[in-house]
N, C-alpha and C. Protein backbone atom coordinates (compact mmCIF):
# COMPACT_ATOMS: atom_id res chain seq x y z
N MET A 1 119.26 49.30 120.31
CA MET A 1 118.28 48.02 120.63
C MET A 1 118.52 46.78 119.96
N VAL A 2 118.15 45.86 119.99
CA VAL A 2 118.31 45.25 119.07
C VAL A 2 117.08 44.31 118.85
N LYS A 3 116.51 44.10 117.40
CA LYS A 3 115.00 43.44 117.35
C LYS A 3 114.57 42.83 118.32
N ALA A 4 115.20 41.78 118.64
CA ALA A 4 114.54 41.19 119.62
C ALA A 4 114.01 41.94 120.86
N ASP A 5 114.89 42.44 121.15
CA ASP A 5 114.94 42.87 122.71
C ASP A 5 113.46 44.25 122.71
N ARG A 6 113.32 45.15 121.58
CA ARG A 6 112.40 45.65 121.19
C ARG A 6 110.82 45.26 121.48
N GLU A 7 111.38 44.07 120.10
CA GLU A 7 109.44 43.39 120.43
C GLU A 7 109.34 42.94 121.40
N TYR A 8 110.08 42.39 122.86
CA TYR A 8 109.59 42.06 123.88
C TYR A 8 109.31 43.52 124.56
N PHE A 9 109.58 44.45 124.94
CA PHE A 9 109.43 45.47 125.53
C PHE A 9 108.19 45.94 125.03
N GLU A 10 107.81 46.32 123.69
CA GLU A 10 106.60 46.77 122.70
C GLU A 10 105.89 45.96 123.27
N THR A 11 105.75 44.60 122.83
CA THR A 11 104.74 43.72 123.15
C THR A 11 104.25 43.77 124.95
N ILE A 12 104.93 44.06 125.33
CA ILE A 12 104.42 44.07 126.94
C ILE A 12 103.82 45.35 126.98
N GLU A 13 104.15 46.62 126.37
CA GLU A 13 104.13 47.44 126.19
C GLU A 13 102.34 47.47 125.82
N GLU A 14 102.41 46.93 124.84
CA GLU A 14 100.96 46.36 124.13
C GLU A 14 99.72 45.93 124.55
N GLU A 15 100.24 45.53 125.36
CA GLU A 15 99.29 44.42 126.20
C GLU A 15 98.61 45.11 127.31
N PHE A 16 99.67 45.25 127.81
CA PHE A 16 99.37 46.39 129.49
C PHE A 16 98.40 47.37 128.64
N ILE A 17 98.59 48.34 128.35
CA ILE A 17 98.12 49.68 128.24
C ILE A 17 96.79 48.85 127.12
N ARG A 18 96.51 48.09 126.37
CA ARG A 18 95.65 47.55 125.71
C ARG A 18 94.38 47.57 127.09
N LEU A 19 95.00 46.65 128.08
CA LEU A 19 94.07 46.48 128.95
C LEU A 19 93.82 47.37 130.15
N ARG A 20 94.75 48.44 129.98
CA ARG A 20 94.42 49.91 131.05
C ARG A 20 94.02 50.77 130.30
N GLY A 21 94.32 50.71 129.19
CA GLY A 21 93.38 51.72 128.43
C GLY A 21 94.26 53.20 128.25
N ALA A 22 95.04 53.51 129.33
CA ALA A 22 95.90 54.67 128.75
C ALA A 22 97.11 54.44 130.10
N PRO A 23 98.02 55.29 129.83
CA PRO A 23 98.28 56.38 128.75
C PRO A 23 98.85 55.53 127.58
N LEU A 24 99.24 56.59 126.55
CA LEU A 24 99.66 55.76 125.42
C LEU A 24 101.04 54.87 125.42
N LEU A 25 101.62 54.98 126.66
CA LEU A 25 102.97 54.69 126.80
C LEU A 25 103.50 53.88 128.15
N LEU A 26 104.23 53.54 128.06
CA LEU A 26 104.83 52.96 129.51
C LEU A 26 105.69 53.87 130.14
N SER A 27 105.82 54.22 131.55
CA SER A 27 106.71 55.07 131.91
C SER A 27 108.45 54.77 131.49
N PRO A 28 109.23 55.32 132.00
CA PRO A 28 110.65 55.11 132.22
C PRO A 28 110.64 54.16 133.35
N ALA A 29 110.15 54.13 134.71
CA ALA A 29 110.02 52.84 135.81
C ALA A 29 109.50 51.81 134.77
N ASP A 30 108.83 51.89 134.34
CA ASP A 30 107.88 50.32 133.91
C ASP A 30 108.88 49.91 132.65
N TRP A 31 109.58 50.49 131.53
CA TRP A 31 111.00 49.78 130.88
C TRP A 31 111.67 49.36 131.76
N ARG A 32 112.49 50.21 132.57
CA ARG A 32 113.44 49.65 133.67
C ARG A 32 112.91 48.21 134.23
N LEU A 33 111.63 48.01 134.73
CA LEU A 33 111.00 46.66 135.03
C LEU A 33 111.34 45.62 133.78
N ALA A 34 110.60 46.08 132.90
CA ALA A 34 110.63 45.36 131.58
C ALA A 34 112.01 44.63 131.11
N ASP A 35 112.68 45.74 131.04
CA ASP A 35 113.95 45.31 131.23
C ASP A 35 114.77 44.52 131.95
N ARG A 36 114.24 44.56 133.24
CA ARG A 36 115.03 43.27 134.15
C ARG A 36 114.23 42.06 133.93
N TRP A 37 113.04 42.47 133.40
CA TRP A 37 112.59 40.45 133.15
C TRP A 37 113.53 40.12 132.25
N ARG A 38 113.88 40.97 130.93
CA ARG A 38 114.15 40.74 130.05
C ARG A 38 115.61 40.00 130.41
N ARG A 39 116.16 40.76 131.19
CA ARG A 39 117.97 40.42 131.42
C ARG A 39 117.72 39.21 131.91
N GLU A 40 116.96 38.49 133.20
CA GLU A 40 116.83 37.83 133.63
C GLU A 40 116.42 36.53 133.37
N GLY A 41 115.72 36.94 131.57
CA GLY A 41 115.09 35.59 131.06
C GLY A 41 113.80 35.23 131.64
N VAL A 42 113.10 35.75 131.54
CA VAL A 42 111.63 35.55 131.96
C VAL A 42 110.60 35.50 130.35
N PRO A 43 110.42 34.17 130.31
CA PRO A 43 110.30 34.63 128.51
C PRO A 43 108.75 35.31 128.74
N LEU A 44 108.39 35.52 127.36
CA LEU A 44 107.87 37.15 127.04
C LEU A 44 106.40 36.21 126.90
N SER A 45 106.41 35.27 127.04
CA SER A 45 104.71 34.15 127.01
C SER A 45 104.36 34.37 128.90
N LEU A 46 105.30 34.14 129.28
CA LEU A 46 105.04 34.10 130.70
C LEU A 46 104.53 35.85 131.01
N VAL A 47 105.43 36.75 130.07
CA VAL A 47 104.83 38.10 131.10
C VAL A 47 103.39 38.39 130.77
N LEU A 48 103.12 37.76 129.71
CA LEU A 48 101.97 38.56 129.09
C LEU A 48 100.91 37.65 129.82
N GLU A 49 100.97 36.25 129.61
CA GLU A 49 99.97 35.77 130.76
C GLU A 49 99.98 36.46 132.05
N SER A 50 101.10 36.32 132.85
CA SER A 50 100.68 37.03 134.31
C SER A 50 99.80 38.47 134.08
N ILE A 51 100.56 39.39 133.17
CA ILE A 51 99.35 40.41 132.87
C ILE A 51 98.38 40.55 132.91
N ARG A 52 97.91 39.77 131.48
CA ARG A 52 96.73 39.23 131.67
C ARG A 52 95.36 38.66 132.97
N LEU A 53 96.57 37.87 133.52
CA LEU A 53 96.07 37.04 134.58
C LEU A 53 95.35 38.48 136.16
N ALA A 54 96.38 39.27 135.99
CA ALA A 54 96.58 40.41 136.79
C ALA A 54 95.39 40.83 136.49
N PHE A 55 94.99 41.45 135.42
CA PHE A 55 94.10 42.37 134.95
C PHE A 55 92.60 41.00 135.47
N GLU A 56 93.12 39.84 135.06
CA GLU A 56 91.50 39.36 134.97
C GLU A 56 91.13 38.91 136.83
N ARG A 57 91.99 38.95 137.86
CA ARG A 57 91.95 39.21 138.71
C ARG A 57 91.05 40.49 139.39
N ARG A 58 91.79 41.64 138.91
CA ARG A 58 91.49 42.68 139.04
C ARG A 58 89.65 42.64 138.71
N ALA A 59 89.19 42.49 137.62
CA ALA A 59 88.21 42.74 137.06
C ALA A 59 87.22 41.74 138.14
N GLU A 60 87.41 40.57 138.59
CA GLU A 60 87.04 39.62 140.11
C GLU A 60 86.47 40.66 141.07
N ARG A 61 87.97 41.15 141.26
CA ARG A 61 87.77 42.42 142.48
C ARG A 61 86.67 43.24 142.07
N GLN A 62 86.31 43.45 140.69
CA GLN A 62 85.70 44.55 140.66
C GLN A 62 84.19 44.46 140.68
N VAL A 63 83.98 43.01 140.83
CA VAL A 63 82.79 42.58 140.62
C VAL A 63 82.32 42.21 141.75
N ALA A 64 82.88 41.72 143.21
CA ALA A 64 82.63 41.80 144.24
C ALA A 64 82.30 42.83 144.82
N SER A 65 83.56 43.88 144.79
CA SER A 65 82.94 45.43 145.64
C SER A 65 82.88 46.28 144.31
N PRO A 66 82.04 47.04 144.75
CA PRO A 66 82.48 48.67 143.86
C PRO A 66 83.47 49.24 144.35
N ALA A 67 83.70 49.60 145.23
CA ALA A 67 85.03 50.32 145.94
C ALA A 67 86.19 50.02 144.75
N ALA A 68 86.21 49.02 144.58
CA ALA A 68 87.92 48.74 143.44
C ALA A 68 87.57 48.98 142.49
N ARG A 69 86.37 49.36 141.68
CA ARG A 69 86.27 50.03 140.51
C ARG A 69 86.99 51.72 140.12
N GLN A 70 87.35 51.92 141.77
CA GLN A 70 87.51 53.46 142.23
C GLN A 70 89.06 53.14 141.66
N ARG A 71 89.53 52.40 141.98
CA ARG A 71 90.87 52.42 141.98
C ARG A 71 91.47 51.68 140.92
N LYS A 72 92.64 52.82 140.16
CA LYS A 72 92.93 53.04 138.77
C LYS A 72 94.22 52.16 138.69
N VAL A 73 95.17 51.74 137.71
CA VAL A 73 96.17 50.74 137.55
C VAL A 73 97.31 52.11 136.50
N ASN A 74 97.98 52.37 137.58
CA ASN A 74 99.08 53.69 136.71
C ASN A 74 100.12 53.22 135.99
N SER A 75 100.60 51.65 136.50
CA SER A 75 101.74 51.32 136.54
C SER A 75 102.01 49.90 136.03
N LEU A 76 102.92 49.53 135.52
CA LEU A 76 103.15 47.82 135.00
C LEU A 76 103.59 47.28 136.41
N ARG A 77 104.11 48.49 137.32
CA ARG A 77 104.69 47.50 138.67
C ARG A 77 103.07 46.72 139.13
N TYR A 78 101.81 47.14 139.06
CA TYR A 78 100.60 46.69 139.16
C TYR A 78 100.25 45.07 139.31
N CYS A 79 101.16 44.39 137.54
CA CYS A 79 101.58 43.06 137.52
C CYS A 79 102.90 42.75 138.27
N ARG A 80 103.27 43.44 138.72
CA ARG A 80 105.07 42.83 139.05
C ARG A 80 104.63 41.22 140.08
N PRO A 81 104.25 41.30 141.14
CA PRO A 81 103.82 40.48 141.49
C PRO A 81 103.58 39.18 140.92
N ALA A 82 102.58 39.49 139.94
CA ALA A 82 102.00 38.47 139.58
C ALA A 82 103.02 37.20 138.19
N VAL A 83 103.90 38.56 137.70
CA VAL A 83 104.74 38.05 137.10
C VAL A 83 105.78 37.14 137.83
N GLU A 84 106.57 37.70 138.91
CA GLU A 84 107.06 37.55 139.82
C GLU A 84 107.02 35.69 140.69
N LYS A 85 105.90 36.16 140.53
CA LYS A 85 105.15 34.64 141.24
C LYS A 85 105.50 33.71 139.91
N ALA A 86 104.98 33.75 139.03
CA ALA A 86 104.82 33.31 138.25
C ALA A 86 105.89 32.35 137.42
N TRP A 87 107.35 33.23 137.48
CA TRP A 87 108.55 33.39 137.29
C TRP A 87 109.06 32.07 137.95
N ALA A 88 108.82 32.42 139.47
CA ALA A 88 109.39 31.66 140.25
C ALA A 88 109.31 30.16 140.17
N GLU A 89 107.93 29.74 140.00
CA GLU A 89 107.02 28.86 139.88
C GLU A 89 107.52 27.95 138.62
N TYR A 90 107.18 28.71 137.52
CA TYR A 90 108.08 27.96 136.38
C TYR A 90 109.60 27.75 136.48
N ARG A 91 110.26 28.68 137.09
CA ARG A 91 111.96 28.07 137.76
C ARG A 91 111.73 26.57 138.61
N GLU A 92 111.17 26.71 139.23
CA GLU A 92 111.04 25.48 140.14
C GLU A 92 110.78 24.13 138.90
N LEU A 93 109.66 24.35 138.61
CA LEU A 93 109.27 22.90 137.97
C LEU A 93 110.17 22.57 136.57
N GLY A 94 110.92 23.67 136.27
CA GLY A 94 111.92 23.14 135.26
C GLY A 94 111.42 24.06 133.97
N GLY A 95 111.05 25.06 133.40
CA GLY A 95 110.20 25.64 132.52
C GLY A 95 108.99 24.96 132.28
N ALA A 96 107.78 23.68 132.86
CA ALA A 96 106.79 24.03 132.99
C ALA A 96 105.97 25.47 133.21
N SER A 97 104.97 25.76 132.47
CA SER A 97 103.77 26.10 132.92
C SER A 97 103.10 26.03 134.47
N ALA A 98 103.27 27.37 135.24
CA ALA A 98 102.84 26.35 136.82
C ALA A 98 101.20 27.26 137.07
N ARG A 99 100.87 27.69 135.49
CA ARG A 99 99.48 28.33 136.51
C ARG A 99 98.45 26.86 135.37
N GLN A 100 97.63 26.82 136.24
CA GLN A 100 96.51 25.80 135.75
C GLN A 100 94.75 26.46 135.79
N PRO A 101 94.69 25.85 134.57
CA PRO A 101 93.05 26.48 134.40
C PRO A 101 92.45 26.38 135.21
N ARG A 102 91.36 27.33 135.24
CA ARG A 102 90.19 27.47 136.49
C ARG A 102 89.13 28.12 136.00
N PRO A 103 88.09 28.19 136.45
CA PRO A 103 87.45 28.75 135.48
C PRO A 103 87.26 30.74 136.05
N ALA A 104 86.96 31.32 135.33
CA ALA A 104 86.90 32.86 135.87
C ALA A 104 85.77 32.82 136.19
N ALA A 105 86.27 34.15 138.05
CA ALA A 105 84.82 34.28 138.84
C ALA A 105 84.37 35.02 138.12
N ILE A 106 84.50 35.98 136.69
CA ILE A 106 83.42 36.56 136.05
C ILE A 106 82.79 36.17 135.51
N ASP A 107 81.26 36.20 134.67
CA ASP A 107 80.32 35.68 133.95
C ASP A 107 81.15 36.30 132.89
N VAL A 108 81.48 35.36 132.13
CA VAL A 108 81.72 35.74 130.29
C VAL A 108 80.37 36.16 129.84
N ARG A 109 79.65 35.32 129.82
CA ARG A 109 78.49 35.54 129.21
C ARG A 109 77.96 37.12 129.28
N ALA A 110 77.79 37.20 130.69
CA ALA A 110 77.20 38.39 130.89
C ALA A 110 78.23 39.53 130.70
N ARG A 111 79.92 39.24 130.86
CA ARG A 111 80.72 40.47 130.22
C ARG A 111 80.22 40.99 128.44
N LEU A 112 80.09 39.79 127.89
CA LEU A 112 79.82 39.92 126.48
C LEU A 112 78.63 40.41 126.28
N GLN A 113 77.94 40.29 126.57
CA GLN A 113 76.49 40.90 126.42
C GLN A 113 76.83 42.10 127.09
N ALA A 114 77.20 42.69 127.95
CA ALA A 114 77.40 44.02 128.82
C ALA A 114 78.20 44.49 127.48
N LEU A 115 79.22 43.76 126.79
CA LEU A 115 80.25 44.71 125.70
C LEU A 115 78.97 45.27 124.80
N ALA A 116 78.40 43.94 124.31
CA ALA A 116 77.20 44.06 122.88
C ALA A 116 76.22 45.49 123.04
N ASP A 117 76.01 45.21 124.25
CA ASP A 117 75.01 46.68 124.68
C ASP A 117 75.56 47.95 124.62
N SER A 118 77.14 47.43 124.88
CA SER A 118 77.70 49.26 124.90
C SER A 118 78.11 49.76 123.41
N ILE A 119 78.03 49.13 122.47
CA ILE A 119 78.65 49.36 121.11
C ILE A 119 77.84 50.74 120.69
N PRO A 120 77.84 51.68 120.45
CA PRO A 120 76.89 53.05 120.20
C PRO A 120 75.96 52.48 118.91
N PRO A 121 74.75 52.70 118.70
CA PRO A 121 73.45 52.19 118.13
C PRO A 121 74.03 53.25 116.88
N ALA A 122 74.78 54.09 116.76
CA ALA A 122 74.99 54.57 115.19
C ALA A 122 76.02 53.54 114.40
N THR A 123 76.42 52.59 115.02
CA THR A 123 77.68 52.03 114.56
C THR A 123 76.94 51.24 113.24
N VAL A 124 77.94 51.49 112.14
CA VAL A 124 77.42 50.40 111.05
C VAL A 124 77.69 48.99 111.14
N ASP A 125 76.49 47.98 110.81
CA ASP A 125 76.30 46.68 110.83
C ASP A 125 76.58 46.51 112.70
N LEU A 126 75.45 47.43 113.19
CA LEU A 126 75.82 47.13 114.50
C LEU A 126 75.39 45.48 115.30
N GLU A 127 73.92 44.99 114.70
CA GLU A 127 73.30 44.04 114.94
C GLU A 127 74.46 42.64 114.67
N ARG A 128 75.32 42.73 113.42
CA ARG A 128 76.57 41.73 113.22
C ARG A 128 77.57 41.94 114.28
N TRP A 129 78.14 42.96 114.51
CA TRP A 129 78.75 43.43 115.69
C TRP A 129 78.48 42.54 116.78
N ARG A 130 77.20 42.80 117.53
CA ARG A 130 76.75 41.94 118.22
C ARG A 130 76.83 40.67 118.28
N LYS A 131 76.21 40.25 117.25
CA LYS A 131 76.17 39.14 117.78
C LYS A 131 77.71 38.13 117.12
N ARG A 132 78.73 38.19 116.77
CA ARG A 132 79.97 38.45 116.30
C ARG A 132 80.37 38.54 118.15
N LEU A 133 79.89 39.01 118.88
CA LEU A 133 80.68 38.98 120.44
C LEU A 133 79.58 38.13 121.14
N LEU A 134 78.44 37.48 120.74
CA LEU A 134 77.75 36.79 121.70
C LEU A 134 78.07 35.43 121.70
N GLU A 135 78.39 35.12 120.17
CA GLU A 135 78.62 33.53 119.80
C GLU A 135 80.09 33.42 120.51
N LEU A 136 80.71 34.26 120.67
CA LEU A 136 81.95 34.45 121.54
C LEU A 136 81.86 32.96 122.24
N GLN A 137 82.53 32.02 122.50
CA GLN A 137 82.47 30.78 123.17
C GLN A 137 83.79 30.03 124.05
N GLY A 138 83.93 29.86 125.01
CA GLY A 138 85.00 28.97 125.94
C GLY A 138 85.25 29.54 127.35
N SER A 139 86.43 29.34 127.46
CA SER A 139 87.31 29.67 128.67
C SER A 139 87.40 31.14 128.44
N ALA A 140 87.80 31.97 129.59
CA ALA A 140 88.02 33.55 129.50
C ALA A 140 88.94 33.80 129.01
N PRO A 141 90.17 32.94 129.29
CA PRO A 141 91.54 33.18 128.43
C PRO A 141 91.30 33.18 126.89
N ALA A 142 89.88 32.03 126.25
CA ALA A 142 89.96 31.82 125.16
C ALA A 142 89.25 33.22 124.35
N VAL A 143 88.22 32.95 125.38
CA VAL A 143 87.13 34.66 124.73
C VAL A 143 88.23 36.08 124.82
N GLU A 144 89.21 36.12 125.50
CA GLU A 144 89.56 37.24 125.29
C GLU A 144 90.70 37.46 124.10
N ASP A 145 91.35 36.04 124.04
CA ASP A 145 92.28 36.06 122.33
C ASP A 145 91.52 36.67 121.13
N ARG A 146 90.08 35.81 121.26
CA ARG A 146 89.22 36.06 120.23
C ARG A 146 88.62 37.66 120.29
N LEU A 147 88.79 38.28 121.12
CA LEU A 147 88.30 39.83 121.49
C LEU A 147 89.40 40.97 121.21
N VAL A 148 90.78 40.31 121.13
CA VAL A 148 91.73 41.56 120.90
C VAL A 148 91.79 41.57 119.23
N GLY A 149 91.70 40.58 118.58
CA GLY A 149 91.47 40.81 117.08
C GLY A 149 89.98 41.63 117.12
N LEU A 150 88.92 41.08 117.47
CA LEU A 150 87.90 41.86 117.74
C LEU A 150 87.58 42.98 117.77
N ASP A 151 88.73 43.55 118.69
CA ASP A 151 88.44 45.03 118.96
C ASP A 151 89.08 45.72 118.13
N ARG A 152 90.43 45.28 117.28
CA ARG A 152 91.29 46.44 116.75
C ARG A 152 89.92 46.12 114.78
N GLU A 153 89.75 45.47 114.77
CA GLU A 153 88.88 45.12 113.41
C GLU A 153 87.65 46.31 113.84
N LEU A 154 86.99 46.16 115.17
CA LEU A 154 85.72 47.56 115.12
C LEU A 154 86.60 48.74 115.36
N VAL A 155 87.42 48.78 115.56
CA VAL A 155 87.96 50.06 115.84
C VAL A 155 88.70 50.47 114.04
N ASP A 156 89.49 49.74 113.32
CA ASP A 156 90.23 50.28 112.11
C ASP A 156 88.91 50.09 111.02
N ARG A 157 88.07 49.14 111.02
CA ARG A 157 86.46 49.87 110.62
C ARG A 157 85.56 50.67 110.61
N ALA A 158 86.07 51.13 111.91
CA ALA A 158 84.97 52.26 112.11
C ALA A 158 85.62 53.64 111.42
N PHE A 159 86.99 53.77 111.51
CA PHE A 159 88.41 54.49 110.83
C PHE A 159 87.71 54.83 109.33
N GLU A 160 88.10 53.91 108.62
CA GLU A 160 87.68 53.16 107.35
C GLU A 160 86.46 53.89 107.13
N LEU A 161 85.42 54.14 107.37
CA LEU A 161 83.83 54.37 107.59
C LEU A 161 83.60 55.99 107.47
N LEU A 162 84.96 56.73 108.47
CA LEU A 162 84.69 58.04 108.69
C LEU A 162 84.97 58.93 107.34
N PRO A 163 83.92 60.22 107.21
CA PRO A 163 83.99 61.26 106.12
C PRO A 163 85.21 61.39 106.02
N LEU A 164 85.98 61.71 105.14
CA LEU A 164 87.28 62.23 104.77
C LEU A 164 87.40 63.31 105.91
N PRO A 165 86.70 64.34 106.27
CA PRO A 165 87.08 65.52 107.08
C PRO A 165 87.97 65.04 108.43
N GLU A 166 86.82 63.84 108.80
CA GLU A 166 86.65 63.38 110.26
C GLU A 166 87.82 62.83 110.30
N LYS A 167 88.43 61.70 108.73
CA LYS A 167 89.74 60.96 108.99
C LYS A 167 90.97 61.75 109.29
N GLU A 168 90.73 63.31 108.53
CA GLU A 168 91.40 63.91 108.07
C GLU A 168 92.03 64.51 110.03
N THR A 169 90.82 65.11 110.26
CA THR A 169 91.23 65.90 111.55
C THR A 169 91.32 64.74 112.85
N VAL A 170 91.20 63.08 112.74
CA VAL A 170 92.01 62.37 113.83
C VAL A 170 93.38 62.22 112.81
N ALA A 171 93.82 62.23 112.43
CA ALA A 171 95.03 62.01 111.70
C ALA A 171 95.86 63.24 112.21
N ALA A 172 95.17 64.29 111.85
CA ALA A 172 96.10 65.67 112.55
C ALA A 172 96.17 65.63 113.93
N GLU A 173 94.73 65.09 114.79
CA GLU A 173 94.93 64.88 116.02
C GLU A 173 96.06 64.38 116.24
N ALA A 174 96.55 62.83 115.48
CA ALA A 174 97.30 62.14 116.17
C ALA A 174 98.78 62.57 116.30
N GLU A 175 99.16 62.95 114.58
CA GLU A 175 100.59 64.19 115.12
C GLU A 175 100.56 64.75 115.80
N ALA A 176 99.82 65.41 115.72
CA ALA A 176 100.11 66.32 116.78
C ALA A 176 100.27 66.00 117.95
N ALA A 177 99.68 64.94 119.15
CA ALA A 177 100.10 64.20 119.71
C ALA A 177 101.25 63.25 120.18
N LEU A 178 101.76 63.14 118.71
CA LEU A 178 102.56 62.57 118.89
C LEU A 178 104.13 63.52 117.90
N GLY A 179 104.05 64.25 118.04
CA GLY A 179 105.01 65.64 117.85
C GLY A 179 106.40 65.46 118.13
N ARG A 180 105.69 65.47 119.68
CA ARG A 180 106.98 65.67 120.95
C ARG A 180 107.92 64.70 120.94
N MET A 181 107.66 63.03 120.35
CA MET A 181 108.08 62.11 120.53
C MET A 181 108.93 61.43 119.06
N ALA A 182 108.28 62.21 118.01
CA ALA A 182 109.39 62.04 116.81
C ALA A 182 110.80 61.87 116.81
N SER A 183 111.62 62.96 117.67
CA SER A 183 112.35 62.97 117.57
C SER A 183 113.35 61.94 118.56
N ARG A 184 112.51 61.23 119.37
CA ARG A 184 112.80 60.00 120.18
C ARG A 184 112.94 58.84 120.28
N VAL A 185 112.01 58.48 118.94
CA VAL A 185 111.25 57.21 118.65
C VAL A 185 112.10 56.72 117.09
N ASP A 186 112.54 55.73 116.55
CA ASP A 186 112.86 54.95 115.91
C ASP A 186 111.41 54.83 114.86
N PRO A 187 111.92 55.08 113.38
CA PRO A 187 110.62 55.26 112.05
C PRO A 187 108.99 54.32 112.15
N GLU A 188 110.03 53.03 112.65
CA GLU A 188 109.16 52.01 112.21
C GLU A 188 108.09 52.41 113.43
N ARG A 189 108.87 52.17 114.66
CA ARG A 189 108.29 52.85 116.44
C ARG A 189 107.65 53.60 116.37
N LEU A 190 107.37 55.01 115.32
CA LEU A 190 106.79 55.80 115.38
C LEU A 190 105.28 55.56 114.77
N ALA A 191 105.45 54.76 113.45
CA ALA A 191 104.23 54.24 112.15
C ALA A 191 102.97 53.14 114.00
N ASP A 192 104.15 52.77 114.47
CA ASP A 192 103.64 51.84 115.40
C ASP A 192 102.35 52.49 116.22
N LEU A 193 103.42 53.68 116.69
CA LEU A 193 102.75 54.92 117.69
C LEU A 193 101.43 55.25 117.62
N ARG A 194 101.15 55.84 116.21
CA ARG A 194 100.88 56.76 114.92
C ARG A 194 99.42 55.52 115.05
N ARG A 195 99.56 54.73 114.76
CA ARG A 195 98.26 53.63 114.75
C ARG A 195 97.56 53.49 115.59
N ARG A 196 98.46 53.43 117.04
CA ARG A 196 97.65 53.33 118.10
C ARG A 196 97.00 54.40 118.83
N MET A 197 97.15 55.03 118.08
CA MET A 197 96.79 56.80 118.55
C MET A 197 95.58 57.33 117.81
N VAL A 198 95.66 56.74 116.62
CA VAL A 198 94.51 56.55 116.01
C VAL A 198 93.68 55.77 116.05
N ARG A 199 93.92 54.81 116.39
CA ARG A 199 92.61 53.83 116.67
C ARG A 199 92.60 54.50 118.58
N ARG A 200 92.96 55.47 119.17
CA ARG A 200 92.31 55.73 120.25
C ARG A 200 91.41 56.60 120.62
N LEU A 201 91.98 57.97 119.29
CA LEU A 201 91.30 59.06 119.44
C LEU A 201 89.84 58.21 118.21
N VAL A 202 89.65 57.13 117.77
CA VAL A 202 88.19 56.53 116.86
C VAL A 202 87.74 56.29 118.06
N ARG A 203 88.31 55.59 119.02
CA ARG A 203 87.59 55.05 119.95
C ARG A 203 86.68 56.16 120.87
N GLU A 204 87.62 57.37 120.96
CA GLU A 204 86.84 58.32 122.09
C GLU A 204 86.18 58.66 121.16
N ARG A 205 86.01 59.39 119.97
CA ARG A 205 85.42 60.14 119.22
C ARG A 205 83.82 59.32 118.82
N LEU A 206 84.08 58.21 118.54
CA LEU A 206 82.75 57.29 118.63
C LEU A 206 82.53 56.78 119.58
N GLY A 207 82.80 56.81 121.16
CA GLY A 207 82.49 56.02 122.04
C GLY A 207 82.48 54.58 121.95
N LEU A 208 83.32 54.09 121.29
CA LEU A 208 83.48 52.99 121.26
C LEU A 208 83.87 51.94 122.52
N PRO A 209 83.49 50.73 122.69
CA PRO A 209 84.08 50.39 123.98
C PRO A 209 85.37 49.38 123.79
N LEU A 210 85.95 49.35 124.86
CA LEU A 210 87.35 48.39 124.57
C LEU A 210 86.90 47.00 124.80
N LEU A 211 86.77 46.18 123.94
CA LEU A 211 86.00 44.82 123.67
C LEU A 211 87.59 43.84 124.32
N SER A 212 87.26 43.74 125.68
CA SER A 212 87.94 42.79 126.80
C SER A 212 87.29 42.23 127.81
N LEU A 213 87.34 41.42 128.36
CA LEU A 213 86.70 40.90 129.08
C LEU A 213 87.47 41.30 130.92
N PHE A 214 88.63 41.84 130.65
CA PHE A 214 89.30 41.99 132.00
C PHE A 214 89.78 43.76 131.98
N ALA A 215 89.38 44.73 130.53
CA ALA A 215 90.31 45.39 130.74
C ALA A 215 89.38 46.81 131.52
N GLU A 216 90.51 47.60 132.15
CA GLU A 216 89.66 48.76 132.72
C GLU A 216 88.31 49.17 132.25
N ARG A 217 87.54 49.54 133.05
CA ARG A 217 85.99 49.69 133.02
C ARG A 217 85.57 51.31 132.24
N SER A 218 86.44 51.55 131.75
CA SER A 218 86.50 53.47 131.94
C SER A 218 85.33 53.50 130.57
N GLN A 219 84.64 54.46 130.85
CA GLN A 219 83.67 54.85 129.63
C GLN A 219 84.03 56.26 128.90
N PRO A 220 84.05 55.39 127.35
CA PRO A 220 84.65 56.33 126.25
C PRO A 220 84.19 57.57 125.97
N SER A 221 84.26 58.76 125.58
CA SER A 221 83.28 59.37 125.66
C SER A 221 82.58 59.66 124.55
N PRO A 222 81.52 59.85 124.69
CA PRO A 222 80.43 60.12 123.68
C PRO A 222 80.03 61.30 122.71
N ARG A 223 80.34 60.57 120.98
CA ARG A 223 80.59 61.60 120.33
C ARG A 223 79.71 62.53 120.31
N SER A 224 79.92 63.63 119.97
CA SER A 224 79.83 65.01 119.75
C SER A 224 78.72 65.30 118.47
N GLY A 225 77.84 65.77 118.74
CA GLY A 225 77.15 66.47 117.60
C GLY A 225 76.02 65.96 117.51
């Protein structure tokens, strides 16, 4: 697989899994779907925008209907209608983006407040993190773009501050989880998967929320002890 193709797949995988929360990797059926989009020439930016739109609309339905919160997203195929609709409109318009800006039905300010409130009290620099969240402004897509970086920064900083024995435990758990994959992926991809798994384990260990307006509303496991 050439580097450009691998980046196409892995970028789609990273964005979908960031919003889905789990599992760690796409299924073979999901990769085949992404490969079809690649072969058809669907721009990566259009796929990513459509994935986010699918989760945005899901978040809106969750607000309107408690029953919608019980239904999980288990496959990239959940986003297929959004991607293929956007692709059809894109071609009809000769390559122009078909999506028009619109206000999100979810309450961005309320969601940011909920995220700020969900950061565990034991988090180092808790008030600073809460302030950074509550200072975000703009449309839902603009805020979401900022949250991607903040989420990664929060988890990476939490890992840095763990006592050495806990760091070693997390690293060992990550290696055990990735052990079966080591022979099936190239070293560069394995390193990326290791970082992703460490972040996931740190999030679960410390009860850190996923900083996203549109992600699955799963509850992290509280820290034991």
